[in-house]
Amino acid sequence: MDTWLIVTISAIIALLIIVIYSYLINWRYKKLFRSWQEAEIIALEQEKKKIRQSAITQSRAVLTGKFTEQMTPYLPEFKYDPTEARFIGTPIDMIVFPGLAQGDPQEVVIMEIKTGKHCQLTYAEKKIRQLIEDGMVRWELIERNEKQEDTEIIED
């Protein structure tokens, strides 16, 4: 009976050691996971701040550019009469009709305005510039007769 008691007590002690060791390992990995999770949450918040700040900076740059485009006719370096400029916005910024203020336009100037450090034309702007340079520009007139005849509807 002594042997049986020693084996049982040894088994209980071994089982108790395994349970305690498992608990300690589980506790350690949960602690490591929590610290990793907290670090990831902090990193995510920092990344969100960077993204927000970048979006704000980019938005300000775009708004500044749009404002500058519309105010260009009133800037000192604008070499035309501001009353002869017409803002379009997209795909080109402005059309200027030099001489229009005196009732005698001399030419048509299609203008793109760029601001910022890296001023580059978009594909569409480059294509429009090339079409103009190639002479692919024309005049069209649409006439509408204001007195259109009324059409009678006959019902059966």
Protein backbone atom coordinates (compact mmCIF):
# COMPACT_ATOMS: atom_id res chain seq x y z
CA MET A 1 0.00 0.00 0.00
CA ASP A 2 2.95 2.25 0.59
CA THR A 3 3.93 2.04 -3.07
CA TRP A 4 0.40 2.76 -4.21
CA LEU A 5 0.24 5.84 -1.94
CA ILE A 6 3.63 7.10 -3.16
CA VAL A 7 2.59 6.66 -6.83
CA THR A 8 -0.73 8.43 -6.21
CA ILE A 9 0.90 11.31 -4.34
CA SER A 10 3.60 11.55 -7.03
CA ALA A 11 0.93 11.60 -9.76
CA ILE A 12 -1.04 14.29 -7.92
CA ILE A 13 2.12 16.37 -7.40
CA ALA A 14 3.10 15.91 -11.08
CA LEU A 15 -0.41 16.88 -12.17
CA LEU A 16 -0.34 19.87 -9.86
CA ILE A 17 3.07 20.92 -11.28
CA ILE A 18 1.75 20.55 -14.84
CA VAL A 19 -1.36 22.63 -14.04
CA ILE A 20 0.69 25.37 -12.34
CA TYR A 21 3.29 25.36 -15.15
CA SER A 22 0.50 25.53 -17.79
CA TYR A 23 -1.13 28.39 -15.93
CA LEU A 24 2.19 30.29 -15.70
CA ILE A 25 2.92 29.74 -19.41
CA ASN A 26 -0.63 30.81 -20.32
CA TRP A 27 -0.34 33.89 -18.09
CA ARG A 28 3.05 34.80 -19.61
CA TYR A 29 1.80 34.52 -23.21
CA LYS A 30 -1.36 36.47 -22.41
CA LYS A 31 0.82 39.20 -20.92
CA LEU A 32 3.07 39.19 -24.02
CA PHE A 33 0.01 39.27 -26.28
CA ARG A 34 -1.49 42.21 -24.36
CA SER A 35 1.76 44.19 -24.56
CA TRP A 36 2.03 43.42 -28.31
CA GLN A 37 -1.62 44.40 -28.78
CA GLU A 38 -1.10 47.70 -26.92
CA ALA A 39 1.99 48.45 -29.01
CA GLU A 40 0.01 47.76 -32.21
CA ILE A 41 -2.84 50.01 -31.06
CA ILE A 42 -0.36 52.82 -30.35
CA ALA A 43 1.31 52.29 -33.74
CA LEU A 44 -2.10 52.30 -35.45
CA GLU A 45 -3.08 55.56 -33.73
CA GLN A 46 0.21 57.15 -34.78
CA GLU A 47 -0.36 55.99 -38.37
CA LYS A 48 -3.89 57.42 -38.29
CA LYS A 49 -2.47 60.77 -37.10
CA LYS A 50 0.07 60.74 -39.94
CA ILE A 51 -2.63 59.92 -42.50
CA ARG A 52 -4.94 62.65 -41.16
CA GLN A 53 -2.13 65.21 -41.19
CA SER A 54 -1.15 64.20 -44.71
CA ALA A 55 -4.77 64.51 -45.86
CA ILE A 56 -5.07 67.96 -44.26
CA THR A 57 -1.80 69.10 -45.84
CA GLN A 58 -2.81 67.78 -49.25
CA SER A 59 -6.28 69.32 -48.98
CA ARG A 60 -4.76 72.69 -48.09
CA ALA A 61 -2.42 72.46 -51.06
CA VAL A 62 -5.31 71.65 -53.41
CA LEU A 63 -7.45 74.49 -52.02
CA THR A 64 -4.52 76.90 -52.26
CA GLY A 65 -3.97 75.83 -55.86
CA LYS A 66 -7.64 76.29 -56.76
CA PHE A 67 -7.70 79.68 -55.07
CA THR A 68 -4.53 80.74 -56.89
CA GLU A 69 -5.97 79.58 -60.22
CA GLN A 70 -9.00 81.82 -59.78
CA MET A 71 -7.01 84.78 -58.45
CA THR A 72 -4.27 84.64 -61.11
CA PRO A 73 -5.82 87.39 -63.28
CA TYR A 74 -5.40 89.80 -60.36
CA LEU A 75 -1.76 88.95 -59.64
CA PRO A 76 1.02 91.33 -60.77
CA GLU A 77 2.64 88.74 -63.06
CA PHE A 78 -0.58 88.27 -65.10
CA LYS A 79 0.16 90.07 -68.36
CA TYR A 80 -3.43 90.40 -69.61
CA ASP A 81 -6.41 92.52 -68.64
CA PRO A 82 -8.26 90.57 -65.89
CA THR A 83 -11.61 91.41 -67.51
CA GLU A 84 -10.53 89.48 -70.59
CA ALA A 85 -9.92 86.22 -68.67
CA ARG A 86 -12.54 83.52 -68.19
CA PHE A 87 -11.97 80.84 -65.54
CA ILE A 88 -13.02 77.33 -66.60
CA GLY A 89 -11.32 75.11 -64.02
CA THR A 90 -11.16 71.77 -65.77
CA PRO A 91 -9.65 70.32 -67.94
CA ILE A 92 -7.92 73.67 -68.47
CA ASP A 93 -7.93 76.57 -66.04
CA MET A 94 -8.55 79.67 -68.09
CA ILE A 95 -9.16 81.18 -71.49
CA VAL A 96 -7.95 84.74 -72.12
CA PHE A 97 -9.14 86.94 -74.98
CA PRO A 98 -6.53 89.73 -75.27
CA GLY A 99 -8.12 92.87 -76.72
CA LEU A 100 -11.68 91.88 -75.74
CA ALA A 101 -11.99 94.80 -73.30
CA GLN A 102 -11.51 97.23 -76.21
CA GLY A 103 -13.94 95.25 -78.36
CA ASP A 104 -11.21 93.92 -80.65
CA PRO A 105 -9.95 90.49 -79.51
CA GLN A 106 -6.57 89.69 -81.12
CA GLU A 107 -6.06 86.06 -80.08
CA VAL A 108 -7.31 83.28 -77.83
CA VAL A 109 -4.96 82.13 -75.06
CA ILE A 110 -5.69 78.82 -73.39
CA MET A 111 -3.96 78.86 -70.01
CA GLU A 112 -3.11 76.23 -67.41
CA ILE A 113 -1.98 77.47 -63.98
CA LYS A 114 0.20 75.31 -61.74
CA THR A 115 1.32 75.94 -58.18
CA GLY A 116 3.50 74.01 -55.78
CA LYS A 117 6.90 72.36 -55.91
CA HIS A 118 6.15 69.62 -58.44
CA CYS A 119 4.12 71.24 -61.18
CA GLN A 120 3.24 68.65 -63.79
CA LEU A 121 0.53 68.53 -66.40
CA THR A 122 -1.95 65.68 -66.24
CA TYR A 123 -2.30 63.37 -69.23
CA ALA A 124 -5.45 65.21 -70.36
CA GLU A 125 -3.71 68.60 -70.04
CA LYS A 126 -0.75 67.37 -72.09
CA LYS A 127 -3.11 65.99 -74.72
CA ILE A 128 -5.04 69.28 -74.93
CA ARG A 129 -1.77 71.21 -75.25
CA GLN A 130 -0.69 68.91 -78.09
CA LEU A 131 -4.04 69.29 -79.85
CA ILE A 132 -3.73 73.08 -79.68
CA GLU A 133 -0.13 73.01 -80.89
CA ASP A 134 -1.20 70.74 -83.78
CA GLY A 135 -3.91 73.21 -84.77
CA MET A 136 -6.74 70.85 -83.89
CA VAL A 137 -8.94 73.75 -82.77
CA ARG A 138 -12.13 74.91 -84.47
CA TRP A 139 -15.12 77.19 -84.05
CA GLU A 140 -18.68 75.94 -83.89
CA LEU A 141 -21.89 77.90 -83.73
CA ILE A 142 -25.15 76.47 -82.47
CA GLU A 143 -28.19 78.50 -83.44
CA ARG A 144 -31.53 77.90 -81.81
CA ASN A 145 -34.68 79.44 -83.09
CA GLU A 146 -36.56 80.72 -80.05
CA LYS A 147 -39.90 80.54 -81.89
CA GLN A 148 -40.37 76.83 -82.25
CA GLU A 149 -43.60 75.61 -83.67
CA ASP A 150 -45.88 73.80 -81.26
CA THR A 151 -46.62 70.24 -82.26
CA GLU A 152 -50.22 69.22 -82.00
CA ILE A 153 -50.95 65.91 -80.38
CA ILE A 154 -53.99 64.19 -81.81
CA GLU A 155 -55.72 61.73 -79.56
CA ASP A 156 -58.07 59.04 -80.83
